Protein backbone atom coordinates (compact mmCIF):
# COMPACT_ATOMS: atom_id res chain seq x y z
CA UNK A 1 0.00 0.00 0.00
CA UNK A 2 2.94 2.30 0.62
CA UNK A 3 4.12 2.05 -2.97
CA UNK A 4 0.62 2.92 -4.22
CA UNK A 5 0.62 6.07 -2.10
CA UNK A 6 4.07 7.12 -3.31
CA UNK A 7 3.00 6.56 -6.93
CA UNK A 8 -0.01 8.80 -6.30
CA UNK A 9 2.31 11.50 -4.94
CA UNK A 10 4.54 11.03 -8.00
CA UNK A 11 1.62 11.54 -10.38
CA UNK A 12 0.61 14.73 -8.60
CA UNK A 13 4.26 15.88 -8.73
CA UNK A 14 4.35 15.16 -12.47
CA UNK A 15 1.21 17.22 -12.96
CA UNK A 16 2.76 20.10 -11.03
CA UNK A 17 5.96 19.90 -13.12
CA UNK A 18 3.87 19.94 -16.29
CA UNK A 19 2.06 23.06 -15.11
CA UNK A 20 5.37 24.76 -14.30
CA UNK A 21 6.74 23.88 -17.73
CA UNK A 22 3.51 25.14 -19.30
CA UNK A 23 4.02 28.49 -17.59
CA UNK A 24 7.63 28.66 -18.78
CA UNK A 25 7.24 27.54 -22.41
CA UNK A 26 3.67 28.81 -22.93
CA UNK A 27 2.67 25.95 -25.21
CA UNK A 28 0.71 22.75 -24.71
CA UNK A 29 2.75 19.91 -23.23
CA UNK A 30 1.75 16.29 -22.66
CA UNK A 31 1.26 15.66 -18.94
CA UNK A 32 1.30 11.88 -19.03
CA UNK A 33 5.00 11.14 -19.83
CA UNK A 34 6.26 13.19 -16.89
CA UNK A 35 3.77 11.61 -14.48
CA UNK A 36 4.51 8.08 -15.71
CA UNK A 37 8.25 8.69 -15.38
CA UNK A 38 7.89 9.98 -11.85
CA UNK A 39 5.51 7.13 -10.96
CA UNK A 40 7.93 4.43 -12.14
CA UNK A 41 10.89 6.14 -10.49
CA UNK A 42 9.09 6.63 -7.15
CA UNK A 43 7.81 3.03 -7.20
CA UNK A 44 11.26 1.50 -7.59
CA UNK A 45 12.91 3.93 -5.18
CA UNK A 46 10.28 3.11 -2.57
CA UNK A 47 10.67 -0.64 -3.10
CA UNK A 48 14.47 -0.49 -2.97
CA UNK A 49 15.11 2.04 -0.20
CA UNK A 50 12.01 2.62 1.90
CA UNK A 51 10.49 -0.85 2.22
CA UNK A 52 13.59 -2.40 3.89
CA UNK A 53 13.52 0.48 6.37
CA UNK A 54 9.86 -0.20 7.17
CA UNK A 55 10.52 -3.94 7.57
CA UNK A 56 13.41 -3.21 9.95
CA UNK A 57 11.18 -0.95 12.03
CA UNK A 58 8.51 -3.66 12.08
CA UNK A 59 10.96 -6.29 13.28
CA UNK A 60 12.07 -4.00 16.10
CA UNK A 61 8.41 -3.16 16.86
CA UNK A 62 8.94 0.55 16.40
CA UNK A 63 5.74 2.36 15.45
CA UNK A 64 5.75 5.81 13.92
PDB file of N, CA and C in Angstrom:
ATOM      1  N   UNK A   1       0.820  -1.191   0.000  1.00  0.00           N
ATOM      2  CA  UNK A   1       0.000   0.000   0.000  1.00  0.00           C
ATOM      3  C   UNK A   1       0.866   1.258   0.000  1.00  0.00           C
ATOM      4  N   UNK A   2       2.035   1.149   0.577  1.00  0.00           N
ATOM      5  CA  UNK A   2       2.940   2.298   0.622  1.00  0.00           C
ATOM      6  C   UNK A   2       3.389   2.705  -0.766  1.00  0.00           C
ATOM      7  N   UNK A   3       3.674   1.730  -1.618  1.00  0.00           N
ATOM      8  CA  UNK A   3       4.121   2.053  -2.968  1.00  0.00           C
ATOM      9  C   UNK A   3       2.994   2.691  -3.782  1.00  0.00           C
ATOM     10  N   UNK A   4       1.759   2.302  -3.528  1.00  0.00           N
ATOM     11  CA  UNK A   4       0.620   2.917  -4.215  1.00  0.00           C
ATOM     12  C   UNK A   4       0.516   4.389  -3.830  1.00  0.00           C
ATOM     13  N   UNK A   5       0.680   4.686  -2.557  1.00  0.00           N
ATOM     14  CA  UNK A   5       0.617   6.070  -2.097  1.00  0.00           C
ATOM     15  C   UNK A   5       1.749   6.905  -2.696  1.00  0.00           C
ATOM     16  N   UNK A   6       2.955   6.357  -2.746  1.00  0.00           N
ATOM     17  CA  UNK A   6       4.068   7.125  -3.309  1.00  0.00           C
ATOM     18  C   UNK A   6       3.890   7.333  -4.809  1.00  0.00           C
ATOM     19  N   UNK A   7       3.288   6.367  -5.503  1.00  0.00           N
ATOM     20  CA  UNK A   7       3.004   6.556  -6.931  1.00  0.00           C
ATOM     21  C   UNK A   7       1.958   7.651  -7.125  1.00  0.00           C
ATOM     22  N   UNK A   8       0.974   7.721  -6.239  1.00  0.00           N
ATOM     23  CA  UNK A   8      -0.011   8.803  -6.303  1.00  0.00           C
ATOM     24  C   UNK A   8       0.669  10.159  -6.129  1.00  0.00           C
ATOM     25  N   UNK A   9       1.565  10.250  -5.158  1.00  0.00           N
ATOM     26  CA  UNK A   9       2.314  11.501  -4.941  1.00  0.00           C
ATOM     27  C   UNK A   9       3.159  11.826  -6.175  1.00  0.00           C
ATOM     28  N   UNK A  10       3.724  10.821  -6.800  1.00  0.00           N
ATOM     29  CA  UNK A  10       4.536  11.028  -8.000  1.00  0.00           C
ATOM     30  C   UNK A  10       3.695  11.564  -9.149  1.00  0.00           C
ATOM     31  N   UNK A  11       2.490  11.065  -9.303  1.00  0.00           N
ATOM     32  CA  UNK A  11       1.616  11.537 -10.379  1.00  0.00           C
ATOM     33  C   UNK A  11       1.227  12.989 -10.149  1.00  0.00           C
ATOM     34  N   UNK A  12       0.931  13.340  -8.915  1.00  0.00           N
ATOM     35  CA  UNK A  12       0.612  14.734  -8.601  1.00  0.00           C
ATOM     36  C   UNK A  12       1.838  15.626  -8.833  1.00  0.00           C
ATOM     37  N   UNK A  13       3.026  15.135  -8.484  1.00  0.00           N
ATOM     38  CA  UNK A  13       4.261  15.880  -8.728  1.00  0.00           C
ATOM     39  C   UNK A  13       4.486  16.074 -10.225  1.00  0.00           C
ATOM     40  N   UNK A  14       4.228  15.047 -11.023  1.00  0.00           N
ATOM     41  CA  UNK A  14       4.351  15.159 -12.466  1.00  0.00           C
ATOM     42  C   UNK A  14       3.388  16.180 -13.043  1.00  0.00           C
ATOM     43  N   UNK A  15       2.182  16.220 -12.529  1.00  0.00           N
ATOM     44  CA  UNK A  15       1.208  17.216 -12.962  1.00  0.00           C
ATOM     45  C   UNK A  15       1.699  18.618 -12.629  1.00  0.00           C
ATOM     46  N   UNK A  16       2.239  18.794 -11.437  1.00  0.00           N
ATOM     47  CA  UNK A  16       2.765  20.097 -11.033  1.00  0.00           C
ATOM     48  C   UNK A  16       3.926  20.517 -11.930  1.00  0.00           C
ATOM     49  N   UNK A  17       4.826  19.577 -12.233  1.00  0.00           N
ATOM     50  CA  UNK A  17       5.955  19.895 -13.120  1.00  0.00           C
ATOM     51  C   UNK A  17       5.472  20.279 -14.510  1.00  0.00           C
ATOM     52  N   UNK A  18       4.442  19.605 -14.985  1.00  0.00           N
ATOM     53  CA  UNK A  18       3.872  19.943 -16.287  1.00  0.00           C
ATOM     54  C   UNK A  18       3.289  21.348 -16.276  1.00  0.00           C
ATOM     55  N   UNK A  19       2.620  21.711 -15.204  1.00  0.00           N
ATOM     56  CA  UNK A  19       2.058  23.064 -15.107  1.00  0.00           C
ATOM     57  C   UNK A  19       3.155  24.127 -15.046  1.00  0.00           C
ATOM     58  N   UNK A  20       4.239  23.827 -14.348  1.00  0.00           N
ATOM     59  CA  UNK A  20       5.367  24.761 -14.296  1.00  0.00           C
ATOM     60  C   UNK A  20       5.986  24.932 -15.679  1.00  0.00           C
ATOM     61  N   UNK A  21       6.186  23.809 -16.375  1.00  0.00           N
ATOM     62  CA  UNK A  21       6.738  23.879 -17.728  1.00  0.00           C
ATOM     63  C   UNK A  21       5.791  24.583 -18.684  1.00  0.00           C
ATOM     64  N   UNK A  22       4.498  24.433 -18.490  1.00  0.00           N
ATOM     65  CA  UNK A  22       3.513  25.141 -19.302  1.00  0.00           C
ATOM     66  C   UNK A  22       3.634  26.647 -19.097  1.00  0.00           C
ATOM     67  N   UNK A  23       3.860  27.065 -17.862  1.00  0.00           N
ATOM     68  CA  UNK A  23       4.021  28.489 -17.586  1.00  0.00           C
ATOM     69  C   UNK A  23       5.315  29.027 -18.184  1.00  0.00           C
ATOM     70  N   UNK A  24       6.352  28.208 -18.239  1.00  0.00           N
ATOM     71  CA  UNK A  24       7.631  28.656 -18.775  1.00  0.00           C
ATOM     72  C   UNK A  24       7.601  28.716 -20.306  1.00  0.00           C
ATOM     73  N   UNK A  25       7.181  27.621 -20.952  1.00  0.00           N
ATOM     74  CA  UNK A  25       7.239  27.536 -22.413  1.00  0.00           C
ATOM     75  C   UNK A  25       6.014  28.107 -23.112  1.00  0.00           C
ATOM     76  N   UNK A  26       4.915  28.257 -22.407  1.00  0.00           N
ATOM     77  CA  UNK A  26       3.666  28.809 -22.927  1.00  0.00           C
ATOM     78  C   UNK A  26       3.154  28.085 -24.175  1.00  0.00           C
ATOM     79  N   UNK A  27       3.278  26.761 -24.168  1.00  0.00           N
ATOM     80  CA  UNK A  27       2.666  25.946 -25.208  1.00  0.00           C
ATOM     81  C   UNK A  27       2.213  24.628 -24.582  1.00  0.00           C
ATOM     82  N   UNK A  28       1.292  23.979 -25.250  1.00  0.00           N
ATOM     83  CA  UNK A  28       0.707  22.750 -24.713  1.00  0.00           C
ATOM     84  C   UNK A  28       1.761  21.649 -24.613  1.00  0.00           C
ATOM     85  N   UNK A  29       1.817  21.006 -23.477  1.00  0.00           N
ATOM     86  CA  UNK A  29       2.746  19.914 -23.231  1.00  0.00           C
ATOM     87  C   UNK A  29       1.974  18.680 -22.784  1.00  0.00           C
ATOM     88  N   UNK A  30       2.424  17.500 -23.151  1.00  0.00           N
ATOM     89  CA  UNK A  30       1.748  16.287 -22.658  1.00  0.00           C
ATOM     90  C   UNK A  30       2.079  16.053 -21.181  1.00  0.00           C
ATOM     91  N   UNK A  31       1.061  15.840 -20.381  1.00  0.00           N
ATOM     92  CA  UNK A  31       1.260  15.664 -18.942  1.00  0.00           C
ATOM     93  C   UNK A  31       1.613  14.222 -18.585  1.00  0.00           C
ATOM     94  N   UNK A  32       1.168  13.281 -19.389  1.00  0.00           N
ATOM     95  CA  UNK A  32       1.304  11.884 -19.028  1.00  0.00           C
ATOM     96  C   UNK A  32       2.744  11.375 -18.968  1.00  0.00           C
ATOM     97  N   UNK A  33       3.637  11.699 -19.908  1.00  0.00           N
ATOM     98  CA  UNK A  33       4.999  11.138 -19.829  1.00  0.00           C
ATOM     99  C   UNK A  33       5.747  11.530 -18.557  1.00  0.00           C
ATOM    100  N   UNK A  34       5.582  12.746 -18.107  1.00  0.00           N
ATOM    101  CA  UNK A  34       6.263  13.188 -16.888  1.00  0.00           C
ATOM    102  C   UNK A  34       5.705  12.434 -15.680  1.00  0.00           C
ATOM    103  N   UNK A  35       4.394  12.307 -15.604  1.00  0.00           N
ATOM    104  CA  UNK A  35       3.765  11.606 -14.483  1.00  0.00           C
ATOM    105  C   UNK A  35       4.123  10.125 -14.473  1.00  0.00           C
ATOM    106  N   UNK A  36       4.141   9.500 -15.642  1.00  0.00           N
ATOM    107  CA  UNK A  36       4.513   8.085 -15.711  1.00  0.00           C
ATOM    108  C   UNK A  36       5.964   7.900 -15.294  1.00  0.00           C
ATOM    109  N   UNK A  37       6.836   8.781 -15.760  1.00  0.00           N
ATOM    110  CA  UNK A  37       8.252   8.693 -15.383  1.00  0.00           C
ATOM    111  C   UNK A  37       8.451   8.829 -13.885  1.00  0.00           C
ATOM    112  N   UNK A  38       7.790   9.819 -13.291  1.00  0.00           N
ATOM    113  CA  UNK A  38       7.891   9.982 -11.846  1.00  0.00           C
ATOM    114  C   UNK A  38       7.286   8.791 -11.112  1.00  0.00           C
ATOM    115  N   UNK A  39       6.159   8.276 -11.605  1.00  0.00           N
ATOM    116  CA  UNK A  39       5.514   7.129 -10.960  1.00  0.00           C
ATOM    117  C   UNK A  39       6.406   5.903 -10.938  1.00  0.00           C
ATOM    118  N   UNK A  40       7.027   5.586 -12.070  1.00  0.00           N
ATOM    119  CA  UNK A  40       7.927   4.429 -12.138  1.00  0.00           C
ATOM    120  C   UNK A  40       9.144   4.642 -11.247  1.00  0.00           C
ATOM    121  N   UNK A  41       9.709   5.842 -11.301  1.00  0.00           N
ATOM    122  CA  UNK A  41      10.891   6.141 -10.489  1.00  0.00           C
ATOM    123  C   UNK A  41      10.569   6.051  -8.988  1.00  0.00           C
ATOM    124  N   UNK A  42       9.464   6.658  -8.556  1.00  0.00           N
ATOM    125  CA  UNK A  42       9.091   6.627  -7.146  1.00  0.00           C
ATOM    126  C   UNK A  42       8.790   5.205  -6.695  1.00  0.00           C
ATOM    127  N   UNK A  43       8.133   4.407  -7.554  1.00  0.00           N
ATOM    128  CA  UNK A  43       7.806   3.026  -7.197  1.00  0.00           C
ATOM    129  C   UNK A  43       9.081   2.244  -6.889  1.00  0.00           C
ATOM    130  N   UNK A  44      10.042   2.283  -7.804  1.00  0.00           N
ATOM    131  CA  UNK A  44      11.257   1.501  -7.594  1.00  0.00           C
ATOM    132  C   UNK A  44      12.105   2.054  -6.454  1.00  0.00           C
ATOM    133  N   UNK A  45      12.160   3.363  -6.304  1.00  0.00           N
ATOM    134  CA  UNK A  45      12.913   3.934  -5.180  1.00  0.00           C
ATOM    135  C   UNK A  45      12.286   3.549  -3.848  1.00  0.00           C
ATOM    136  N   UNK A  46      10.957   3.517  -3.801  1.00  0.00           N
ATOM    137  CA  UNK A  46      10.283   3.111  -2.572  1.00  0.00           C
ATOM    138  C   UNK A  46      10.544   1.642  -2.272  1.00  0.00           C
ATOM    139  N   UNK A  47      10.438   0.785  -3.299  1.00  0.00           N
ATOM    140  CA  UNK A  47      10.670  -0.642  -3.102  1.00  0.00           C
ATOM    141  C   UNK A  47      12.106  -0.938  -2.692  1.00  0.00           C
ATOM    142  N   UNK A  48      13.061  -0.208  -3.238  1.00  0.00           N
ATOM    143  CA  UNK A  48      14.473  -0.493  -2.973  1.00  0.00           C
ATOM    144  C   UNK A  48      14.938   0.102  -1.649  1.00  0.00           C
ATOM    145  N   UNK A  49      14.551   1.347  -1.360  1.00  0.00           N
ATOM    146  CA  UNK A  49      15.110   2.038  -0.199  1.00  0.00           C
ATOM    147  C   UNK A  49      14.175   2.121   1.000  1.00  0.00           C
ATOM    148  N   UNK A  50      12.896   2.344   0.775  1.00  0.00           N
ATOM    149  CA  UNK A  50      12.006   2.623   1.896  1.00  0.00           C
ATOM    150  C   UNK A  50      11.410   1.363   2.510  1.00  0.00           C
ATOM    151  N   UNK A  51      11.088   0.371   1.689  1.00  0.00           N
ATOM    152  CA  UNK A  51      10.488  -0.851   2.224  1.00  0.00           C
ATOM    153  C   UNK A  51      11.421  -1.605   3.176  1.00  0.00           C
ATOM    154  N   UNK A  52      12.721  -1.754   2.887  1.00  0.00           N
ATOM    155  CA  UNK A  52      13.591  -2.402   3.891  1.00  0.00           C
ATOM    156  C   UNK A  52      13.628  -1.644   5.219  1.00  0.00           C
ATOM    157  N   UNK A  53      13.551  -0.330   5.162  1.00  0.00           N
ATOM    158  CA  UNK A  53      13.519   0.480   6.374  1.00  0.00           C
ATOM    159  C   UNK A  53      12.256   0.188   7.181  1.00  0.00           C
ATOM    160  N   UNK A  54      11.130   0.091   6.503  1.00  0.00           N
ATOM    161  CA  UNK A  54       9.862  -0.201   7.166  1.00  0.00           C
ATOM    162  C   UNK A  54       9.882  -1.603   7.775  1.00  0.00           C
ATOM    163  N   UNK A  55      10.440  -2.567   7.050  1.00  0.00           N
ATOM    164  CA  UNK A  55      10.521  -3.940   7.571  1.00  0.00           C
ATOM    165  C   UNK A  55      11.417  -3.988   8.809  1.00  0.00           C
ATOM    166  N   UNK A  56      12.520  -3.266   8.788  1.00  0.00           N
ATOM    167  CA  UNK A  56      13.410  -3.208   9.949  1.00  0.00           C
ATOM    168  C   UNK A  56      12.701  -2.606  11.153  1.00  0.00           C
ATOM    169  N   UNK A  57      11.941  -1.549  10.932  1.00  0.00           N
ATOM    170  CA  UNK A  57      11.180  -0.949  12.027  1.00  0.00           C
ATOM    171  C   UNK A  57      10.121  -1.919  12.555  1.00  0.00           C
ATOM    172  N   UNK A  58       9.501  -2.682  11.654  1.00  0.00           N
ATOM    173  CA  UNK A  58       8.507  -3.660  12.082  1.00  0.00           C
ATOM    174  C   UNK A  58       9.127  -4.761  12.927  1.00  0.00           C
ATOM    175  N   UNK A  59      10.291  -5.230  12.529  1.00  0.00           N
ATOM    176  CA  UNK A  59      10.960  -6.295  13.283  1.00  0.00           C
ATOM    177  C   UNK A  59      11.359  -5.822  14.675  1.00  0.00           C
ATOM    178  N   UNK A  60      11.703  -4.555  14.796  1.00  0.00           N
ATOM    179  CA  UNK A  60      12.069  -3.997  16.101  1.00  0.00           C
ATOM    180  C   UNK A  60      10.854  -3.486  16.861  1.00  0.00           C
ATOM    181  N   UNK A  61       9.675  -3.623  16.272  1.00  0.00           N
ATOM    182  CA  UNK A  61       8.413  -3.161  16.862  1.00  0.00           C
ATOM    183  C   UNK A  61       8.434  -1.684  17.206  1.00  0.00           C
ATOM    184  N   UNK A  62       8.937  -0.908  16.266  1.00  0.00           N
ATOM    185  CA  UNK A  62       8.939   0.546  16.399  1.00  0.00           C
ATOM    186  C   UNK A  62       7.788   1.071  15.557  1.00  0.00           C
ATOM    187  N   UNK A  63       6.893   1.828  16.159  1.00  0.00           N
ATOM    188  CA  UNK A  63       5.737   2.364  15.453  1.00  0.00           C
ATOM    189  C   UNK A  63       5.869   3.865  15.350  1.00  0.00           C
ATOM    190  N   UNK A  64       5.655   4.358  14.148  1.00  0.00           N
ATOM    191  CA  UNK A  64       5.749   5.811  13.921  1.00  0.00           C
ATOM    192  C   UNK A  64       4.364   6.363  13.697  1.00  0.00           C
TER     193      UNK A  64
END
